[in-house]
């Protein structure tokens, strides 16, 4: 791994979304990539580094986030036995403790935040990252960098949903 590139840790690196983030970051070549997985031995060549991380075992996150400039977190509210709120809070706290500068949490739960009982608690924890993420008022540079890394403009949720799910036409 290059010592001159900032490190991005990707939680969920073996899944569809996290894997796409790993591949996009590697293709762009601007960052070193640390793939985080529950079984590093199965994915040795996935990224510059492959490290153990399990959201259900928060003690693994300290090492996983150590030295990272940014974290991309994917959570899945429908995975059996998952307490997404608990996982997210553990990841946010570990990132804060590790001095992570940028944190992106990708979850469908964001869409349902108004119905999510712990949304207020998570919003308070995310406030720590406001100055370093898209949430802040000075977010244009961060968004421009994200678009550059991705190599294109972001997909609108409605377009993504139409492509992924059979959605009946409006009557």
C-alpha atoms as a PDB file:
ATOM      1  CA  UNK A   1       0.000   0.000   0.000  1.00  0.00           C
ATOM      2  CA  UNK A   2       1.238   3.469  -0.827  1.00  0.00           C
ATOM      3  CA  UNK A   3       2.078   5.587   2.202  1.00  0.00           C
ATOM      4  CA  UNK A   4       1.193   8.765   0.302  1.00  0.00           C
ATOM      5  CA  UNK A   5      -2.441   7.954  -0.400  1.00  0.00           C
ATOM      6  CA  UNK A   6      -5.165   8.553   2.150  1.00  0.00           C
ATOM      7  CA  UNK A   7      -6.873   5.355   3.265  1.00  0.00           C
ATOM      8  CA  UNK A   8     -10.562   4.600   2.827  1.00  0.00           C
ATOM      9  CA  UNK A   9     -12.000   1.694   4.850  1.00  0.00           C
ATOM     10  CA  UNK A  10     -15.016   0.036   3.247  1.00  0.00           C
ATOM     11  CA  UNK A  11     -17.377  -1.918   5.499  1.00  0.00           C
ATOM     12  CA  UNK A  12     -19.336  -4.470   3.482  1.00  0.00           C
ATOM     13  CA  UNK A  13     -16.593  -4.724   0.854  1.00  0.00           C
ATOM     14  CA  UNK A  14     -17.708  -8.207  -0.246  1.00  0.00           C
ATOM     15  CA  UNK A  15     -21.300  -7.177  -0.923  1.00  0.00           C
ATOM     16  CA  UNK A  16     -22.777  -5.540  -4.000  1.00  0.00           C
ATOM     17  CA  UNK A  17     -22.677  -1.939  -2.818  1.00  0.00           C
ATOM     18  CA  UNK A  18     -19.468  -2.094  -0.787  1.00  0.00           C
ATOM     19  CA  UNK A  19     -17.777  -4.109  -3.524  1.00  0.00           C
ATOM     20  CA  UNK A  20     -18.725  -1.480  -6.098  1.00  0.00           C
ATOM     21  CA  UNK A  21     -17.215   1.200  -3.849  1.00  0.00           C
ATOM     22  CA  UNK A  22     -13.982  -0.803  -3.522  1.00  0.00           C
ATOM     23  CA  UNK A  23     -13.755  -1.284  -7.299  1.00  0.00           C
ATOM     24  CA  UNK A  24     -14.506   2.396  -8.014  1.00  0.00           C
ATOM     25  CA  UNK A  25     -11.911   3.609  -5.513  1.00  0.00           C
ATOM     26  CA  UNK A  26      -9.289   1.237  -6.905  1.00  0.00           C
ATOM     27  CA  UNK A  27     -10.054   2.202 -10.501  1.00  0.00           C
ATOM     28  CA  UNK A  28      -9.686   5.884  -9.663  1.00  0.00           C
ATOM     29  CA  UNK A  29      -6.403   5.293  -7.846  1.00  0.00           C
ATOM     30  CA  UNK A  30      -6.702   8.359  -5.611  1.00  0.00           C
ATOM     31  CA  UNK A  31      -6.977   6.432  -2.336  1.00  0.00           C
ATOM     32  CA  UNK A  32      -5.589   3.313  -0.728  1.00  0.00           C
ATOM     33  CA  UNK A  33      -8.450   0.919  -0.018  1.00  0.00           C
ATOM     34  CA  UNK A  34      -8.947  -1.249   3.052  1.00  0.00           C
ATOM     35  CA  UNK A  35     -11.660  -3.851   2.477  1.00  0.00           C
ATOM     36  CA  UNK A  36     -13.396  -4.848   5.699  1.00  0.00           C
ATOM     37  CA  UNK A  37     -14.962  -8.284   5.910  1.00  0.00           C
ATOM     38  CA  UNK A  38     -15.937 -10.891   8.472  1.00  0.00           C
ATOM     39  CA  UNK A  39     -13.645 -13.426   6.767  1.00  0.00           C
ATOM     40  CA  UNK A  40     -10.459 -11.841   5.375  1.00  0.00           C
ATOM     41  CA  UNK A  41      -8.971 -15.238   4.453  1.00  0.00           C
ATOM     42  CA  UNK A  42     -11.617 -15.640   1.719  1.00  0.00           C
ATOM     43  CA  UNK A  43     -10.918 -12.251   0.143  1.00  0.00           C
ATOM     44  CA  UNK A  44      -7.146 -11.706   0.364  1.00  0.00           C
ATOM     45  CA  UNK A  45      -6.774  -9.852  -2.952  1.00  0.00           C
ATOM     46  CA  UNK A  46      -9.904  -7.722  -2.733  1.00  0.00           C
ATOM     47  CA  UNK A  47      -8.097  -4.427  -1.996  1.00  0.00           C
ATOM     48  CA  UNK A  48      -4.790  -2.919  -0.891  1.00  0.00           C
ATOM     49  CA  UNK A  49      -5.558  -4.305   2.572  1.00  0.00           C
ATOM     50  CA  UNK A  50      -8.164  -6.808   3.729  1.00  0.00           C
ATOM     51  CA  UNK A  51      -8.982  -6.603   7.426  1.00  0.00           C
ATOM     52  CA  UNK A  52     -11.380  -8.315   9.810  1.00  0.00           C
ATOM     53  CA  UNK A  53     -14.388  -6.222  10.791  1.00  0.00           C
ATOM     54  CA  UNK A  54     -17.729  -7.420  12.086  1.00  0.00           C
ATOM     55  CA  UNK A  55     -20.408  -4.886  12.939  1.00  0.00           C
ATOM     56  CA  UNK A  56     -21.825  -7.337  15.471  1.00  0.00           C
ATOM     57  CA  UNK A  57     -18.430  -7.383  17.218  1.00  0.00           C
ATOM     58  CA  UNK A  58     -17.630  -3.687  17.786  1.00  0.00           C
ATOM     59  CA  UNK A  59     -14.215  -4.488  19.258  1.00  0.00           C
ATOM     60  CA  UNK A  60     -13.057  -5.410  15.705  1.00  0.00           C
ATOM     61  CA  UNK A  61     -13.803  -1.913  14.408  1.00  0.00           C
ATOM     62  CA  UNK A  62     -10.980  -0.156  16.275  1.00  0.00           C
ATOM     63  CA  UNK A  63      -8.278  -1.933  14.262  1.00  0.00           C
ATOM     64  CA  UNK A  64     -10.351  -1.810  11.087  1.00  0.00           C
ATOM     65  CA  UNK A  65     -10.673   1.991  11.209  1.00  0.00           C
ATOM     66  CA  UNK A  66      -7.155   2.753  12.537  1.00  0.00           C
ATOM     67  CA  UNK A  67      -5.367   5.198  10.240  1.00  0.00           C
ATOM     68  CA  UNK A  68      -8.371   5.593   7.930  1.00  0.00           C
ATOM     69  CA  UNK A  69      -9.104   8.999   6.452  1.00  0.00           C
ATOM     70  CA  UNK A  70     -12.610   7.908   5.486  1.00  0.00           C
ATOM     71  CA  UNK A  71     -15.096   5.129   6.139  1.00  0.00           C
ATOM     72  CA  UNK A  72     -17.842   3.883   3.842  1.00  0.00           C
ATOM     73  CA  UNK A  73     -20.374   1.917   5.893  1.00  0.00           C
ATOM     74  CA  UNK A  74     -23.078  -0.290   4.418  1.00  0.00           C
ATOM     75  CA  UNK A  75     -25.704  -1.720   6.742  1.00  0.00           C
ATOM     76  CA  UNK A  76     -28.583  -4.004   5.892  1.00  0.00           C
ATOM     77  CA  UNK A  77     -31.716  -3.702   8.037  1.00  0.00           C
ATOM     78  CA  UNK A  78     -33.119  -6.944   6.619  1.00  0.00           C
ATOM     79  CA  UNK A  79     -30.156  -9.199   7.413  1.00  0.00           C
ATOM     80  CA  UNK A  80     -31.367 -11.793   9.946  1.00  0.00           C
ATOM     81  CA  UNK A  81     -30.260 -11.050  13.492  1.00  0.00           C
ATOM     82  CA  UNK A  82     -29.150  -7.524  12.658  1.00  0.00           C
ATOM     83  CA  UNK A  83     -29.682  -4.559  14.943  1.00  0.00           C
ATOM     84  CA  UNK A  84     -28.809  -1.884  12.396  1.00  0.00           C
ATOM     85  CA  UNK A  85     -29.069   0.962  14.901  1.00  0.00           C
ATOM     86  CA  UNK A  86     -26.635  -0.744  17.253  1.00  0.00           C
ATOM     87  CA  UNK A  87     -24.246  -1.522  14.381  1.00  0.00           C
ATOM     88  CA  UNK A  88     -24.326   2.052  13.077  1.00  0.00           C
ATOM     89  CA  UNK A  89     -23.772   3.563  16.512  1.00  0.00           C
ATOM     90  CA  UNK A  90     -20.804   1.229  17.101  1.00  0.00           C
ATOM     91  CA  UNK A  91     -19.284   2.128  13.726  1.00  0.00           C
ATOM     92  CA  UNK A  92     -19.805   5.855  14.254  1.00  0.00           C
ATOM     93  CA  UNK A  93     -18.227   5.704  17.696  1.00  0.00           C
ATOM     94  CA  UNK A  94     -15.266   3.639  16.432  1.00  0.00           C
ATOM     95  CA  UNK A  95     -14.730   6.080  13.558  1.00  0.00           C
ATOM     96  CA  UNK A  96     -14.873   9.024  15.928  1.00  0.00           C
ATOM     97  CA  UNK A  97     -12.392   7.345  18.285  1.00  0.00           C
ATOM     98  CA  UNK A  98     -10.055   6.587  15.354  1.00  0.00           C
ATOM     99  CA  UNK A  99     -10.098  10.212  14.163  1.00  0.00           C
ATOM    100  CA  UNK A 100     -11.774   9.393  10.852  1.00  0.00           C
ATOM    101  CA  UNK A 101     -12.355  12.611   8.873  1.00  0.00           C
ATOM    102  CA  UNK A 102     -15.073  11.458   6.447  1.00  0.00           C
ATOM    103  CA  UNK A 103     -17.891   9.011   7.112  1.00  0.00           C
ATOM    104  CA  UNK A 104     -20.595   7.846   4.724  1.00  0.00           C
ATOM    105  CA  UNK A 105     -23.369   5.564   5.942  1.00  0.00           C
ATOM    106  CA  UNK A 106     -25.396   3.916   3.219  1.00  0.00           C
ATOM    107  CA  UNK A 107     -28.622   2.268   4.278  1.00  0.00           C
ATOM    108  CA  UNK A 108     -32.182   2.028   3.121  1.00  0.00           C
ATOM    109  CA  UNK A 109     -33.048   2.851   6.716  1.00  0.00           C
ATOM    110  CA  UNK A 110     -32.266   6.495   5.874  1.00  0.00           C
ATOM    111  CA  UNK A 111     -35.407   6.532   3.753  1.00  0.00           C
ATOM    112  CA  UNK A 112     -37.504   5.453   6.696  1.00  0.00           C
ATOM    113  CA  UNK A 113     -35.798   7.699   9.269  1.00  0.00           C
ATOM    114  CA  UNK A 114     -39.094   9.293  10.227  1.00  0.00           C
ATOM    115  CA  UNK A 115     -40.393   5.888  11.318  1.00  0.00           C
ATOM    116  CA  UNK A 116     -37.127   4.672  12.809  1.00  0.00           C
ATOM    117  CA  UNK A 117     -37.274   4.821  16.627  1.00  0.00           C
ATOM    118  CA  UNK A 118     -33.541   5.530  17.013  1.00  0.00           C
ATOM    119  CA  UNK A 119     -33.249   8.161  14.276  1.00  0.00           C
ATOM    120  CA  UNK A 120     -32.820  11.013  16.783  1.00  0.00           C
ATOM    121  CA  UNK A 121     -29.950   9.233  18.571  1.00  0.00           C
ATOM    122  CA  UNK A 122     -28.181   8.484  15.308  1.00  0.00           C
ATOM    123  CA  UNK A 123     -28.706  12.051  14.077  1.00  0.00           C
ATOM    124  CA  UNK A 124     -27.028  13.350  17.234  1.00  0.00           C
ATOM    125  CA  UNK A 125     -24.030  11.038  16.733  1.00  0.00           C
ATOM    126  CA  UNK A 126     -23.787  11.962  13.047  1.00  0.00           C
ATOM    127  CA  UNK A 127     -23.578  15.633  14.008  1.00  0.00           C
ATOM    128  CA  UNK A 128     -19.929  14.966  14.853  1.00  0.00           C
ATOM    129  CA  UNK A 129     -19.276  14.343  11.156  1.00  0.00           C
ATOM    130  CA  UNK A 130     -21.306  17.271   9.856  1.00  0.00           C
ATOM    131  CA  UNK A 131     -18.270  19.347   8.984  1.00  0.00           C
ATOM    132  CA  UNK A 132     -16.645  16.459   7.105  1.00  0.00           C
ATOM    133  CA  UNK A 133     -19.467  14.961   5.047  1.00  0.00           C
ATOM    134  CA  UNK A 134     -22.170  15.913   2.620  1.00  0.00           C
ATOM    135  CA  UNK A 135     -24.257  17.056   5.575  1.00  0.00           C
ATOM    136  CA  UNK A 136     -22.261  20.227   6.100  1.00  0.00           C
ATOM    137  CA  UNK A 137     -22.904  23.584   4.481  1.00  0.00           C
ATOM    138  CA  UNK A 138     -19.436  23.467   2.864  1.00  0.00           C
ATOM    139  CA  UNK A 139     -20.050  20.213   1.005  1.00  0.00           C
ATOM    140  CA  UNK A 140     -19.432  21.169  -2.640  1.00  0.00           C
ATOM    141  CA  UNK A 141     -15.792  20.028  -2.637  1.00  0.00           C
ATOM    142  CA  UNK A 142     -16.685  16.713  -0.998  1.00  0.00           C
ATOM    143  CA  UNK A 143     -19.479  16.099  -3.511  1.00  0.00           C
ATOM    144  CA  UNK A 144     -17.197  17.023  -6.429  1.00  0.00           C
ATOM    145  CA  UNK A 145     -14.546  14.600  -5.154  1.00  0.00           C
ATOM    146  CA  UNK A 146     -17.132  11.828  -4.727  1.00  0.00           C
ATOM    147  CA  UNK A 147     -18.365  12.362  -8.296  1.00  0.00           C
ATOM    148  CA  UNK A 148     -14.750  12.321  -9.559  1.00  0.00           C
ATOM    149  CA  UNK A 149     -14.009   9.063  -7.703  1.00  0.00           C
ATOM    150  CA  UNK A 150     -17.231   7.509  -9.008  1.00  0.00           C
ATOM    151  CA  UNK A 151     -16.509   8.735 -12.527  1.00  0.00           C
ATOM    152  CA  UNK A 152     -20.085   9.915 -12.990  1.00  0.00           C
ATOM    153  CA  UNK A 153     -22.933  11.756 -11.360  1.00  0.00           C
ATOM    154  CA  UNK A 154     -24.818   9.820  -8.662  1.00  0.00           C
ATOM    155  CA  UNK A 155     -27.833   7.767  -9.603  1.00  0.00           C
ATOM    156  CA  UNK A 156     -31.144   9.169  -8.420  1.00  0.00           C
ATOM    157  CA  UNK A 157     -32.878   6.787  -6.009  1.00  0.00           C
ATOM    158  CA  UNK A 158     -35.988   6.603  -8.216  1.00  0.00           C
ATOM    159  CA  UNK A 159     -33.908   5.544 -11.247  1.00  0.00           C
ATOM    160  CA  UNK A 160     -32.029   2.965  -9.164  1.00  0.00           C
ATOM    161  CA  UNK A 161     -35.288   1.549  -7.759  1.00  0.00           C
ATOM    162  CA  UNK A 162     -36.856   1.302 -11.252  1.00  0.00           C
ATOM    163  CA  UNK A 163     -33.797  -0.601 -12.493  1.00  0.00           C
ATOM    164  CA  UNK A 164     -33.655  -2.977  -9.506  1.00  0.00           C
ATOM    165  CA  UNK A 165     -37.315  -3.627  -8.702  1.00  0.00           C
ATOM    166  CA  UNK A 166     -40.457  -4.313 -10.673  1.00  0.00           C
ATOM    167  CA  UNK A 167     -42.438  -1.161  -9.999  1.00  0.00           C
ATOM    168  CA  UNK A 168     -45.912  -1.056 -11.508  1.00  0.00           C
ATOM    169  CA  UNK A 169     -46.737   1.975 -13.633  1.00  0.00           C
ATOM    170  CA  UNK A 170     -49.005   4.574 -12.024  1.00  0.00           C
ATOM    171  CA  UNK A 171     -52.644   4.067 -12.906  1.00  0.00           C
END
